[in-house]
Amino acid sequence: RDAFMLTWYNRLSLPQINVNASPRLKRFYERYIKPTSLQLHLVDMTVFSGIPSVLAVVRNPHTNLAPFAIGAASSYSIERAC
């Protein structure tokens, strides 16, 4: 929560996570995200606390009804937070 608010209010540009760099994330992306044609952006927010934290932004370019969704999580590793 804190990492998200710091990022949002300060309009920070943090590094994105490349799903292809992790076999586990790549499998998840290929199985669940790619078939939907949604755009997924994973942002590494670990810099604020040292605890692996990720902001996920999903964009739907096909409709204005639900154009995007966001979520955030922290865990013991970046992969688990994703």
N, C-alpha and C. Protein backbone atom coordinates (compact mmCIF):
# COMPACT_ATOMS: atom_id res chain seq x y z
N ARG A 1 0.82 -1.19 0.00
CA ARG A 1 0.00 0.00 0.00
C ARG A 1 0.87 1.25 0.00
N ASP A 2 1.84 1.31 0.88
CA ASP A 2 2.68 2.50 0.97
C ASP A 2 3.49 2.71 -0.31
N ALA A 3 4.04 1.63 -0.84
CA ALA A 3 4.84 1.74 -2.07
C ALA A 3 3.98 2.25 -3.21
N PHE A 4 2.75 1.76 -3.31
CA PHE A 4 1.86 2.23 -4.37
C PHE A 4 1.57 3.72 -4.22
N MET A 5 1.25 4.15 -3.01
CA MET A 5 0.92 5.56 -2.79
C MET A 5 2.12 6.47 -3.06
N LEU A 6 3.31 6.06 -2.64
CA LEU A 6 4.50 6.85 -2.92
C LEU A 6 4.74 6.97 -4.42
N THR A 7 4.54 5.87 -5.13
CA THR A 7 4.72 5.88 -6.58
C THR A 7 3.70 6.79 -7.23
N TRP A 8 2.44 6.66 -6.83
CA TRP A 8 1.35 7.42 -7.44
C TRP A 8 1.48 8.92 -7.18
N TYR A 9 1.61 9.30 -5.93
CA TYR A 9 1.64 10.72 -5.59
C TYR A 9 2.87 11.44 -6.12
N ASN A 10 3.97 10.74 -6.21
CA ASN A 10 5.21 11.35 -6.70
C ASN A 10 5.41 11.16 -8.20
N ARG A 11 4.43 10.50 -8.83
CA ARG A 11 4.48 10.25 -10.28
C ARG A 11 5.81 9.65 -10.71
N LEU A 12 6.22 8.65 -9.98
CA LEU A 12 7.50 8.01 -10.23
C LEU A 12 7.40 7.00 -11.36
N SER A 13 8.49 6.83 -12.04
CA SER A 13 8.60 5.81 -13.08
C SER A 13 9.56 4.75 -12.55
N LEU A 14 9.02 3.62 -12.15
CA LEU A 14 9.84 2.55 -11.58
C LEU A 14 10.08 1.48 -12.64
N PRO A 15 11.09 0.63 -12.42
CA PRO A 15 11.41 -0.39 -13.43
C PRO A 15 10.30 -1.43 -13.58
N GLN A 16 10.08 -1.82 -14.83
CA GLN A 16 9.11 -2.87 -15.11
C GLN A 16 9.79 -4.23 -15.01
N ILE A 17 9.00 -5.22 -14.70
CA ILE A 17 9.48 -6.60 -14.59
C ILE A 17 9.22 -7.29 -15.92
N ASN A 18 10.24 -7.90 -16.46
CA ASN A 18 10.14 -8.63 -17.72
C ASN A 18 9.67 -10.05 -17.42
N VAL A 19 8.46 -10.40 -17.84
CA VAL A 19 7.93 -11.73 -17.55
C VAL A 19 8.74 -12.82 -18.24
N ASN A 20 9.43 -12.48 -19.31
CA ASN A 20 10.24 -13.48 -20.02
C ASN A 20 11.52 -13.84 -19.28
N ALA A 21 11.89 -13.05 -18.28
CA ALA A 21 13.12 -13.31 -17.53
C ALA A 21 12.94 -14.44 -16.51
N SER A 22 11.71 -14.81 -16.23
CA SER A 22 11.42 -15.86 -15.26
C SER A 22 10.57 -16.94 -15.92
N PRO A 23 11.03 -18.18 -15.92
CA PRO A 23 10.22 -19.25 -16.52
C PRO A 23 8.83 -19.36 -15.89
N ARG A 24 8.75 -19.17 -14.59
CA ARG A 24 7.46 -19.26 -13.90
C ARG A 24 6.50 -18.14 -14.34
N LEU A 25 7.00 -16.91 -14.40
CA LEU A 25 6.16 -15.80 -14.83
C LEU A 25 5.78 -15.93 -16.30
N LYS A 26 6.71 -16.41 -17.10
CA LYS A 26 6.43 -16.59 -18.52
C LYS A 26 5.32 -17.62 -18.73
N ARG A 27 5.37 -18.72 -17.99
CA ARG A 27 4.31 -19.74 -18.09
C ARG A 27 2.96 -19.16 -17.69
N PHE A 28 2.93 -18.40 -16.61
CA PHE A 28 1.69 -17.77 -16.16
C PHE A 28 1.14 -16.83 -17.24
N TYR A 29 2.03 -16.00 -17.78
CA TYR A 29 1.62 -15.06 -18.81
C TYR A 29 1.07 -15.79 -20.04
N GLU A 30 1.81 -16.79 -20.50
CA GLU A 30 1.39 -17.53 -21.69
C GLU A 30 0.05 -18.24 -21.48
N ARG A 31 -0.19 -18.73 -20.29
CA ARG A 31 -1.41 -19.50 -20.03
C ARG A 31 -2.63 -18.62 -19.76
N TYR A 32 -2.46 -17.56 -18.99
CA TYR A 32 -3.62 -16.80 -18.52
C TYR A 32 -3.80 -15.42 -19.16
N ILE A 33 -2.74 -14.76 -19.51
CA ILE A 33 -2.85 -13.38 -20.00
C ILE A 33 -2.86 -13.31 -21.52
N LYS A 34 -1.93 -13.96 -22.16
CA LYS A 34 -1.79 -13.89 -23.61
C LYS A 34 -3.08 -14.26 -24.36
N PRO A 35 -3.79 -15.33 -23.98
CA PRO A 35 -5.02 -15.69 -24.71
C PRO A 35 -6.12 -14.61 -24.65
N THR A 36 -6.05 -13.72 -23.68
CA THR A 36 -7.08 -12.69 -23.53
C THR A 36 -6.79 -11.43 -24.34
N SER A 37 -5.58 -11.30 -24.85
CA SER A 37 -5.12 -10.10 -25.57
C SER A 37 -5.07 -8.86 -24.68
N LEU A 38 -5.06 -9.07 -23.37
CA LEU A 38 -4.90 -7.95 -22.45
C LEU A 38 -3.42 -7.58 -22.38
N GLN A 39 -3.15 -6.34 -22.02
CA GLN A 39 -1.78 -5.87 -21.87
C GLN A 39 -1.43 -5.86 -20.38
N LEU A 40 -0.35 -6.55 -20.03
CA LEU A 40 0.07 -6.65 -18.63
C LEU A 40 1.38 -5.90 -18.43
N HIS A 41 1.40 -5.06 -17.40
CA HIS A 41 2.62 -4.35 -17.01
C HIS A 41 2.85 -4.63 -15.53
N LEU A 42 4.03 -5.13 -15.21
CA LEU A 42 4.39 -5.40 -13.82
C LEU A 42 5.49 -4.43 -13.41
N VAL A 43 5.28 -3.71 -12.33
CA VAL A 43 6.20 -2.69 -11.88
C VAL A 43 6.83 -3.11 -10.55
N ASP A 44 8.15 -3.06 -10.49
CA ASP A 44 8.89 -3.44 -9.28
C ASP A 44 8.93 -2.25 -8.32
N MET A 45 8.25 -2.37 -7.19
CA MET A 45 8.21 -1.30 -6.19
C MET A 45 9.03 -1.65 -4.94
N THR A 46 9.94 -2.58 -5.08
CA THR A 46 10.75 -3.05 -3.95
C THR A 46 11.62 -1.95 -3.36
N VAL A 47 11.96 -0.96 -4.14
CA VAL A 47 12.91 0.08 -3.75
C VAL A 47 12.51 0.80 -2.45
N PHE A 48 11.24 0.87 -2.14
CA PHE A 48 10.80 1.65 -0.98
C PHE A 48 11.05 0.96 0.36
N SER A 49 10.89 -0.35 0.42
CA SER A 49 10.98 -1.03 1.71
C SER A 49 12.00 -2.16 1.74
N GLY A 50 12.49 -2.55 0.57
CA GLY A 50 13.37 -3.71 0.51
C GLY A 50 12.61 -5.02 0.49
N ILE A 51 11.29 -4.96 0.65
CA ILE A 51 10.43 -6.14 0.58
C ILE A 51 9.92 -6.26 -0.84
N PRO A 52 10.08 -7.42 -1.49
CA PRO A 52 9.61 -7.56 -2.86
C PRO A 52 8.13 -7.16 -3.00
N SER A 53 7.90 -6.12 -3.78
CA SER A 53 6.55 -5.57 -3.98
C SER A 53 6.33 -5.29 -5.45
N VAL A 54 5.14 -5.62 -5.94
CA VAL A 54 4.84 -5.48 -7.36
C VAL A 54 3.50 -4.79 -7.54
N LEU A 55 3.47 -3.89 -8.50
CA LEU A 55 2.23 -3.27 -8.95
C LEU A 55 1.91 -3.87 -10.31
N ALA A 56 0.71 -4.40 -10.47
CA ALA A 56 0.28 -4.95 -11.75
C ALA A 56 -0.77 -4.03 -12.36
N VAL A 57 -0.56 -3.70 -13.62
CA VAL A 57 -1.52 -2.89 -14.37
C VAL A 57 -1.94 -3.71 -15.58
N VAL A 58 -3.23 -3.95 -15.70
CA VAL A 58 -3.77 -4.71 -16.83
C VAL A 58 -4.63 -3.75 -17.64
N ARG A 59 -4.31 -3.64 -18.93
CA ARG A 59 -5.07 -2.76 -19.82
C ARG A 59 -5.84 -3.59 -20.82
N ASN A 60 -7.07 -3.15 -21.08
CA ASN A 60 -7.92 -3.80 -22.07
C ASN A 60 -8.11 -2.83 -23.23
N PRO A 61 -7.38 -3.03 -24.33
CA PRO A 61 -7.48 -2.10 -25.45
C PRO A 61 -8.74 -2.30 -26.30
N HIS A 62 -9.55 -3.29 -25.96
CA HIS A 62 -10.69 -3.65 -26.80
C HIS A 62 -12.01 -3.01 -26.39
N THR A 63 -12.06 -2.38 -25.21
CA THR A 63 -13.32 -1.81 -24.74
C THR A 63 -13.06 -0.64 -23.81
N ASN A 64 -14.00 0.26 -23.75
CA ASN A 64 -13.93 1.36 -22.79
C ASN A 64 -14.71 1.05 -21.52
N LEU A 65 -15.41 -0.08 -21.52
CA LEU A 65 -16.22 -0.46 -20.37
C LEU A 65 -15.35 -0.70 -19.13
N ALA A 66 -14.26 -1.41 -19.31
CA ALA A 66 -13.30 -1.67 -18.23
C ALA A 66 -11.91 -1.54 -18.83
N PRO A 67 -11.44 -0.29 -19.03
CA PRO A 67 -10.18 -0.11 -19.76
C PRO A 67 -8.92 -0.55 -19.03
N PHE A 68 -8.95 -0.59 -17.68
CA PHE A 68 -7.77 -1.04 -16.96
C PHE A 68 -8.13 -1.48 -15.55
N ALA A 69 -7.21 -2.23 -14.97
CA ALA A 69 -7.33 -2.66 -13.58
C ALA A 69 -5.94 -2.65 -12.97
N ILE A 70 -5.87 -2.40 -11.67
CA ILE A 70 -4.58 -2.42 -10.99
C ILE A 70 -4.67 -3.28 -9.74
N GLY A 71 -3.53 -3.78 -9.33
CA GLY A 71 -3.43 -4.54 -8.10
C GLY A 71 -2.00 -4.49 -7.62
N ALA A 72 -1.79 -4.76 -6.36
CA ALA A 72 -0.45 -4.74 -5.81
C ALA A 72 -0.31 -5.86 -4.79
N ALA A 73 0.91 -6.34 -4.64
CA ALA A 73 1.18 -7.40 -3.67
C ALA A 73 2.63 -7.37 -3.25
N SER A 74 2.89 -7.92 -2.08
CA SER A 74 4.24 -8.10 -1.56
C SER A 74 4.39 -9.54 -1.11
N SER A 75 5.61 -10.05 -1.19
CA SER A 75 5.88 -11.41 -0.75
C SER A 75 7.37 -11.56 -0.50
N TYR A 76 7.81 -12.78 -0.28
CA TYR A 76 9.23 -13.02 0.00
C TYR A 76 10.08 -13.01 -1.26
N SER A 77 9.45 -13.03 -2.45
CA SER A 77 10.19 -12.94 -3.71
C SER A 77 9.35 -12.19 -4.72
N ILE A 78 10.01 -11.64 -5.72
CA ILE A 78 9.30 -10.93 -6.78
C ILE A 78 8.33 -11.86 -7.49
N GLU A 79 8.76 -13.07 -7.78
CA GLU A 79 7.88 -14.03 -8.47
C GLU A 79 6.60 -14.28 -7.68
N ARG A 80 6.71 -14.46 -6.38
CA ARG A 80 5.53 -14.72 -5.55
C ARG A 80 4.65 -13.47 -5.46
N ALA A 81 5.25 -12.31 -5.45
CA ALA A 81 4.46 -11.08 -5.40
C ALA A 81 3.69 -10.86 -6.69
N CYS A 82 4.24 -11.35 -7.79
CA CYS A 82 3.54 -11.21 -9.08
C CYS A 82 2.31 -12.06 -9.08
